[in-house]
Amino acid sequence: MSLIGEMRNRIVIQTLGGSSDAGGGQSSSFSTLSTVWARVENLSGGEGIFGDQLRGTASYKFTIRYNSSVTEKNRISYNSKTYNITYVKDIDEGRNKFQEILATEGVATLLVLRFNLTLLRKLMWY
């Protein structure tokens, strides 16, 4: 299976990191993990309620060359939009050639909220 010719879109895989400031506060921001070529497919779309507002959501499939550092904790930036990664799958299990990444557009703030909640829980234990 050769998917190389179909990978025509540049995507940025981002990772969430945190830091402490001098006053003991916590901040989180995304940084680039890698920039790769991908095949991008829109799978579905819909609407959902988020924060008492109706918002559009869409599901996408990104196919990339195998990258062992990509996990559900990352996100994708593509065409000035962000996508939360929900699932990462090795296409040909064990051969480490290609990966399918399922991601959702329209709810990018959820990952930041989860990260901040994790930081808050850690601070409560100190």
N, C-alpha and C. Protein backbone atom coordinates (compact mmCIF):
# COMPACT_ATOMS: atom_id res chain seq x y z
N MET A 1 0.84 -1.17 0.00
CA MET A 1 0.00 0.00 0.00
C MET A 1 0.89 1.24 0.00
N SER A 2 0.71 2.09 -1.02
CA SER A 2 1.52 3.30 -1.07
C SER A 2 0.60 4.51 -1.01
N LEU A 3 0.73 5.27 0.04
CA LEU A 3 -0.10 6.45 0.24
C LEU A 3 0.70 7.75 0.03
N ILE A 4 1.99 7.61 -0.29
CA ILE A 4 2.87 8.78 -0.36
C ILE A 4 2.32 9.84 -1.31
N GLY A 5 1.86 9.45 -2.51
CA GLY A 5 1.37 10.41 -3.49
C GLY A 5 0.11 11.13 -3.07
N GLU A 6 -0.62 10.57 -2.12
CA GLU A 6 -1.86 11.19 -1.65
C GLU A 6 -1.64 12.16 -0.48
N MET A 7 -0.44 12.19 0.05
CA MET A 7 -0.14 13.07 1.18
C MET A 7 0.30 14.44 0.64
N ARG A 8 -0.68 15.31 0.43
CA ARG A 8 -0.44 16.60 -0.22
C ARG A 8 -0.60 17.80 0.70
N ASN A 9 -0.95 17.55 1.95
CA ASN A 9 -1.25 18.65 2.87
C ASN A 9 -0.23 18.67 4.01
N ARG A 10 0.26 19.86 4.35
CA ARG A 10 1.17 20.02 5.47
C ARG A 10 0.36 20.24 6.74
N ILE A 11 0.61 19.43 7.76
CA ILE A 11 -0.04 19.62 9.05
C ILE A 11 1.03 19.78 10.13
N VAL A 12 0.66 20.44 11.19
CA VAL A 12 1.57 20.63 12.33
C VAL A 12 1.01 19.86 13.51
N ILE A 13 1.81 18.96 14.04
CA ILE A 13 1.43 18.22 15.23
C ILE A 13 2.00 18.98 16.42
N GLN A 14 1.12 19.31 17.37
CA GLN A 14 1.52 20.14 18.51
C GLN A 14 1.38 19.38 19.81
N THR A 15 2.22 19.74 20.77
CA THR A 15 2.17 19.13 22.08
C THR A 15 1.94 20.22 23.13
N LEU A 16 1.24 19.87 24.18
CA LEU A 16 0.91 20.82 25.24
C LEU A 16 1.94 20.74 26.35
N GLY A 17 2.44 21.88 26.72
CA GLY A 17 3.41 21.93 27.81
C GLY A 17 2.99 22.95 28.84
N GLY A 18 3.56 22.84 30.01
CA GLY A 18 3.24 23.76 31.09
C GLY A 18 4.49 24.33 31.70
N SER A 19 4.33 25.46 32.34
CA SER A 19 5.47 26.07 33.02
C SER A 19 4.96 26.84 34.24
N SER A 20 5.86 27.09 35.15
CA SER A 20 5.55 27.86 36.35
C SER A 20 6.20 29.22 36.24
N ASP A 21 5.49 30.23 36.72
CA ASP A 21 6.09 31.57 36.73
C ASP A 21 6.66 31.85 38.12
N ALA A 22 7.30 32.99 38.28
CA ALA A 22 7.96 33.33 39.55
C ALA A 22 6.97 33.44 40.71
N GLY A 23 5.72 33.75 40.42
CA GLY A 23 4.71 33.88 41.46
C GLY A 23 4.05 32.57 41.83
N GLY A 24 4.50 31.46 41.23
CA GLY A 24 3.93 30.16 41.54
C GLY A 24 2.74 29.79 40.68
N GLY A 25 2.38 30.64 39.72
CA GLY A 25 1.27 30.34 38.84
C GLY A 25 1.67 29.36 37.75
N GLN A 26 0.69 28.74 37.16
CA GLN A 26 0.91 27.78 36.09
C GLN A 26 0.36 28.33 34.79
N SER A 27 1.05 28.06 33.70
CA SER A 27 0.55 28.43 32.38
C SER A 27 0.77 27.26 31.44
N SER A 28 -0.07 27.17 30.42
CA SER A 28 0.07 26.11 29.44
C SER A 28 0.07 26.71 28.05
N SER A 29 0.83 26.09 27.15
CA SER A 29 0.87 26.53 25.77
C SER A 29 1.27 25.36 24.89
N PHE A 30 0.91 25.48 23.61
CA PHE A 30 1.25 24.43 22.66
C PHE A 30 2.53 24.80 21.92
N SER A 31 3.33 23.78 21.62
CA SER A 31 4.54 23.97 20.82
C SER A 31 4.55 22.90 19.73
N THR A 32 5.31 23.16 18.68
CA THR A 32 5.35 22.24 17.54
C THR A 32 6.17 21.00 17.87
N LEU A 33 5.56 19.84 17.70
CA LEU A 33 6.24 18.56 17.84
C LEU A 33 6.89 18.18 16.51
N SER A 34 6.10 18.29 15.43
CA SER A 34 6.64 18.04 14.09
C SER A 34 5.69 18.59 13.03
N THR A 35 6.23 18.85 11.85
CA THR A 35 5.45 19.27 10.69
C THR A 35 5.60 18.18 9.65
N VAL A 36 4.49 17.62 9.18
CA VAL A 36 4.53 16.45 8.31
C VAL A 36 3.55 16.59 7.15
N TRP A 37 3.76 15.78 6.12
CA TRP A 37 2.82 15.68 5.01
C TRP A 37 1.72 14.70 5.40
N ALA A 38 0.48 15.00 4.97
CA ALA A 38 -0.65 14.15 5.35
C ALA A 38 -1.71 14.14 4.25
N ARG A 39 -2.47 13.06 4.26
CA ARG A 39 -3.72 13.01 3.48
C ARG A 39 -4.82 13.39 4.46
N VAL A 40 -5.65 14.34 4.09
CA VAL A 40 -6.69 14.85 4.99
C VAL A 40 -8.06 14.52 4.40
N GLU A 41 -8.90 13.90 5.23
CA GLU A 41 -10.25 13.54 4.80
C GLU A 41 -11.27 14.02 5.83
N ASN A 42 -12.30 14.71 5.37
CA ASN A 42 -13.41 15.11 6.24
C ASN A 42 -14.37 13.94 6.33
N LEU A 43 -14.58 13.42 7.53
CA LEU A 43 -15.44 12.24 7.72
C LEU A 43 -16.89 12.59 7.98
N SER A 44 -17.12 13.59 8.84
CA SER A 44 -18.50 13.96 9.18
C SER A 44 -18.51 15.32 9.83
N GLY A 45 -19.70 15.87 9.95
CA GLY A 45 -19.88 17.16 10.61
C GLY A 45 -21.17 17.16 11.39
N GLY A 46 -21.29 18.11 12.28
CA GLY A 46 -22.51 18.22 13.08
C GLY A 46 -22.45 19.43 13.97
N GLU A 47 -23.40 19.49 14.87
CA GLU A 47 -23.46 20.58 15.83
C GLU A 47 -23.58 20.01 17.23
N GLY A 48 -23.06 20.75 18.19
CA GLY A 48 -23.16 20.34 19.57
C GLY A 48 -23.19 21.54 20.48
N ILE A 49 -23.62 21.33 21.70
CA ILE A 49 -23.66 22.42 22.67
C ILE A 49 -22.38 22.40 23.47
N PHE A 50 -21.70 23.53 23.52
CA PHE A 50 -20.45 23.68 24.25
C PHE A 50 -20.50 25.02 24.97
N GLY A 51 -20.51 24.98 26.28
CA GLY A 51 -20.57 26.23 27.05
C GLY A 51 -21.84 27.02 26.79
N ASP A 52 -22.97 26.35 26.73
CA ASP A 52 -24.28 26.97 26.49
C ASP A 52 -24.38 27.63 25.11
N GLN A 53 -23.53 27.23 24.18
CA GLN A 53 -23.60 27.75 22.82
C GLN A 53 -23.62 26.60 21.83
N LEU A 54 -24.33 26.78 20.75
CA LEU A 54 -24.35 25.79 19.69
C LEU A 54 -23.12 26.00 18.82
N ARG A 55 -22.30 24.96 18.67
CA ARG A 55 -21.07 25.07 17.89
C ARG A 55 -20.99 23.93 16.89
N GLY A 56 -20.42 24.25 15.74
CA GLY A 56 -20.21 23.23 14.72
C GLY A 56 -19.00 22.38 15.05
N THR A 57 -19.09 21.10 14.78
CA THR A 57 -17.95 20.19 14.97
C THR A 57 -17.80 19.37 13.69
N ALA A 58 -16.59 18.88 13.46
CA ALA A 58 -16.32 18.04 12.30
C ALA A 58 -15.28 17.00 12.68
N SER A 59 -15.43 15.81 12.11
CA SER A 59 -14.46 14.73 12.34
C SER A 59 -13.60 14.58 11.09
N TYR A 60 -12.30 14.45 11.30
CA TYR A 60 -11.34 14.32 10.21
C TYR A 60 -10.45 13.11 10.42
N LYS A 61 -9.94 12.59 9.29
CA LYS A 61 -8.93 11.54 9.34
C LYS A 61 -7.68 12.07 8.65
N PHE A 62 -6.57 12.05 9.37
CA PHE A 62 -5.27 12.46 8.84
C PHE A 62 -4.42 11.20 8.71
N THR A 63 -3.88 10.95 7.53
CA THR A 63 -2.99 9.81 7.32
C THR A 63 -1.58 10.35 7.12
N ILE A 64 -0.64 9.87 7.96
CA ILE A 64 0.74 10.35 7.92
C ILE A 64 1.68 9.14 7.91
N ARG A 65 2.96 9.43 7.63
CA ARG A 65 3.97 8.40 7.83
C ARG A 65 4.07 8.14 9.33
N TYR A 66 4.45 6.93 9.69
CA TYR A 66 4.50 6.53 11.10
C TYR A 66 5.39 7.48 11.91
N ASN A 67 4.88 7.89 13.05
CA ASN A 67 5.61 8.77 13.96
C ASN A 67 5.28 8.30 15.38
N SER A 68 6.23 7.66 16.04
CA SER A 68 5.97 7.04 17.34
C SER A 68 5.63 8.04 18.44
N SER A 69 5.93 9.32 18.23
CA SER A 69 5.69 10.29 19.29
C SER A 69 4.28 10.88 19.25
N VAL A 70 3.48 10.54 18.25
CA VAL A 70 2.11 11.08 18.16
C VAL A 70 1.18 10.26 19.06
N THR A 71 0.46 10.97 19.95
CA THR A 71 -0.51 10.33 20.84
C THR A 71 -1.78 11.16 20.90
N GLU A 72 -2.75 10.66 21.63
CA GLU A 72 -4.01 11.39 21.82
C GLU A 72 -3.83 12.66 22.65
N LYS A 73 -2.67 12.83 23.26
CA LYS A 73 -2.41 14.04 24.06
C LYS A 73 -2.00 15.21 23.18
N ASN A 74 -1.72 14.96 21.90
CA ASN A 74 -1.33 16.01 20.97
C ASN A 74 -2.55 16.59 20.28
N ARG A 75 -2.32 17.63 19.49
CA ARG A 75 -3.36 18.17 18.63
C ARG A 75 -2.75 18.49 17.28
N ILE A 76 -3.58 18.76 16.29
CA ILE A 76 -3.13 19.06 14.94
C ILE A 76 -3.57 20.47 14.58
N SER A 77 -2.69 21.20 13.91
CA SER A 77 -3.03 22.49 13.34
C SER A 77 -2.96 22.34 11.82
N TYR A 78 -4.06 22.70 11.15
CA TYR A 78 -4.13 22.56 9.70
C TYR A 78 -5.07 23.64 9.16
N ASN A 79 -4.62 24.38 8.18
CA ASN A 79 -5.42 25.46 7.58
C ASN A 79 -5.96 26.44 8.62
N SER A 80 -5.12 26.83 9.55
CA SER A 80 -5.47 27.80 10.60
C SER A 80 -6.56 27.31 11.55
N LYS A 81 -6.77 26.01 11.60
CA LYS A 81 -7.74 25.43 12.53
C LYS A 81 -7.02 24.40 13.39
N THR A 82 -7.60 24.13 14.56
CA THR A 82 -7.01 23.12 15.44
C THR A 82 -7.95 21.93 15.57
N TYR A 83 -7.34 20.76 15.72
CA TYR A 83 -8.08 19.50 15.77
C TYR A 83 -7.56 18.70 16.96
N ASN A 84 -8.45 18.27 17.83
CA ASN A 84 -8.09 17.40 18.94
C ASN A 84 -7.96 15.98 18.44
N ILE A 85 -6.85 15.34 18.74
CA ILE A 85 -6.66 13.95 18.34
C ILE A 85 -7.44 13.05 19.29
N THR A 86 -8.28 12.20 18.72
CA THR A 86 -9.08 11.29 19.54
C THR A 86 -8.58 9.85 19.45
N TYR A 87 -7.87 9.50 18.35
CA TYR A 87 -7.42 8.12 18.18
C TYR A 87 -6.26 8.08 17.19
N VAL A 88 -5.25 7.28 17.50
CA VAL A 88 -4.10 7.09 16.62
C VAL A 88 -3.98 5.60 16.34
N LYS A 89 -3.91 5.24 15.06
CA LYS A 89 -3.90 3.83 14.66
C LYS A 89 -2.77 3.55 13.68
N ASP A 90 -2.02 2.50 13.92
CA ASP A 90 -1.00 2.01 12.99
C ASP A 90 -1.75 1.27 11.88
N ILE A 91 -1.67 1.75 10.63
CA ILE A 91 -2.46 1.17 9.54
C ILE A 91 -2.12 -0.29 9.31
N ASP A 92 -0.87 -0.60 9.20
CA ASP A 92 -0.43 -1.98 8.96
C ASP A 92 0.28 -2.43 10.24
N GLU A 93 -0.50 -2.87 11.20
CA GLU A 93 -0.02 -3.15 12.56
C GLU A 93 1.34 -3.83 12.59
N GLY A 94 2.27 -3.21 13.32
CA GLY A 94 3.59 -3.78 13.52
C GLY A 94 4.61 -3.41 12.46
N ARG A 95 4.18 -2.86 11.33
CA ARG A 95 5.12 -2.54 10.26
C ARG A 95 5.63 -1.11 10.35
N ASN A 96 4.94 -0.26 11.11
CA ASN A 96 5.36 1.11 11.37
C ASN A 96 5.63 1.91 10.10
N LYS A 97 4.67 1.87 9.16
CA LYS A 97 4.80 2.63 7.92
C LYS A 97 3.91 3.87 7.92
N PHE A 98 2.63 3.69 8.22
CA PHE A 98 1.67 4.78 8.17
C PHE A 98 0.77 4.75 9.40
N GLN A 99 0.22 5.93 9.73
CA GLN A 99 -0.73 6.05 10.84
C GLN A 99 -1.96 6.79 10.37
N GLU A 100 -3.11 6.38 10.89
CA GLU A 100 -4.34 7.14 10.73
C GLU A 100 -4.61 7.84 12.05
N ILE A 101 -4.90 9.11 11.96
CA ILE A 101 -5.20 9.91 13.15
C ILE A 101 -6.62 10.43 12.99
N LEU A 102 -7.49 10.05 13.91
CA LEU A 102 -8.84 10.59 13.93
C LEU A 102 -8.84 11.80 14.86
N ALA A 103 -9.44 12.89 14.38
CA ALA A 103 -9.41 14.13 15.15
C ALA A 103 -10.72 14.89 14.96
N THR A 104 -11.01 15.74 15.93
CA THR A 104 -12.24 16.52 15.92
C THR A 104 -11.91 18.01 15.91
N GLU A 105 -12.55 18.72 14.99
CA GLU A 105 -12.42 20.17 14.92
C GLU A 105 -13.59 20.80 15.65
N GLY A 106 -13.34 21.94 16.28
CA GLY A 106 -14.44 22.67 16.89
C GLY A 106 -14.50 22.56 18.40
N VAL A 107 -13.64 21.72 18.99
CA VAL A 107 -13.63 21.59 20.45
C VAL A 107 -12.19 21.63 20.96
N ALA A 108 -11.37 22.47 20.36
CA ALA A 108 -9.94 22.50 20.68
C ALA A 108 -9.67 22.92 22.12
N THR A 109 -10.58 23.64 22.74
CA THR A 109 -10.33 24.09 24.10
C THR A 109 -10.43 22.96 25.12
N LEU A 110 -11.04 21.85 24.77
CA LEU A 110 -11.19 20.76 25.73
C LEU A 110 -9.85 20.21 26.20
N LEU A 111 -8.87 20.11 25.30
CA LEU A 111 -7.57 19.59 25.67
C LEU A 111 -6.89 20.51 26.68
N VAL A 112 -6.99 21.81 26.46
CA VAL A 112 -6.40 22.77 27.40
C VAL A 112 -7.09 22.68 28.75
N LEU A 113 -8.42 22.53 28.74
CA LEU A 113 -9.15 22.39 30.00
C LEU A 113 -8.72 21.14 30.76
N ARG A 114 -8.54 20.02 30.03
CA ARG A 114 -8.08 18.79 30.68
C ARG A 114 -6.70 18.97 31.28
N PHE A 115 -5.81 19.63 30.55
CA PHE A 115 -4.45 19.85 31.03
C PHE A 115 -4.47 20.74 32.28
N ASN A 116 -5.24 21.83 32.24
CA ASN A 116 -5.31 22.72 33.40
C ASN A 116 -5.93 22.02 34.60
N LEU A 117 -6.90 21.15 34.39
CA LEU A 117 -7.48 20.38 35.48
C LEU A 117 -6.45 19.45 36.10
N THR A 118 -5.61 18.83 35.25
CA THR A 118 -4.54 17.97 35.75
C THR A 118 -3.56 18.77 36.60
N LEU A 119 -3.18 19.96 36.14
CA LEU A 119 -2.28 20.82 36.91
C LEU A 119 -2.91 21.20 38.25
N LEU A 120 -4.19 21.53 38.22
CA LEU A 120 -4.89 21.91 39.44
C LEU A 120 -4.89 20.76 40.44
N ARG A 121 -5.14 19.55 39.96
CA ARG A 121 -5.14 18.39 40.86
C ARG A 121 -3.75 18.18 41.48
N LYS A 122 -2.71 18.36 40.68
CA LYS A 122 -1.34 18.21 41.21
C LYS A 122 -1.07 19.26 42.27
N LEU A 123 -1.51 20.49 42.04
CA LEU A 123 -1.27 21.55 43.02
C LEU A 123 -2.01 21.29 44.32
N MET A 124 -3.17 20.66 44.23
CA MET A 124 -3.96 20.39 45.43
C MET A 124 -3.29 19.36 46.33
N TRP A 125 -2.44 18.50 45.77
CA TRP A 125 -1.77 17.48 46.53
C TRP A 125 -0.55 18.03 47.29
N TYR A 126 -0.08 19.21 46.92
CA TYR A 126 1.11 19.78 47.59
C TYR A 126 0.76 20.46 48.88
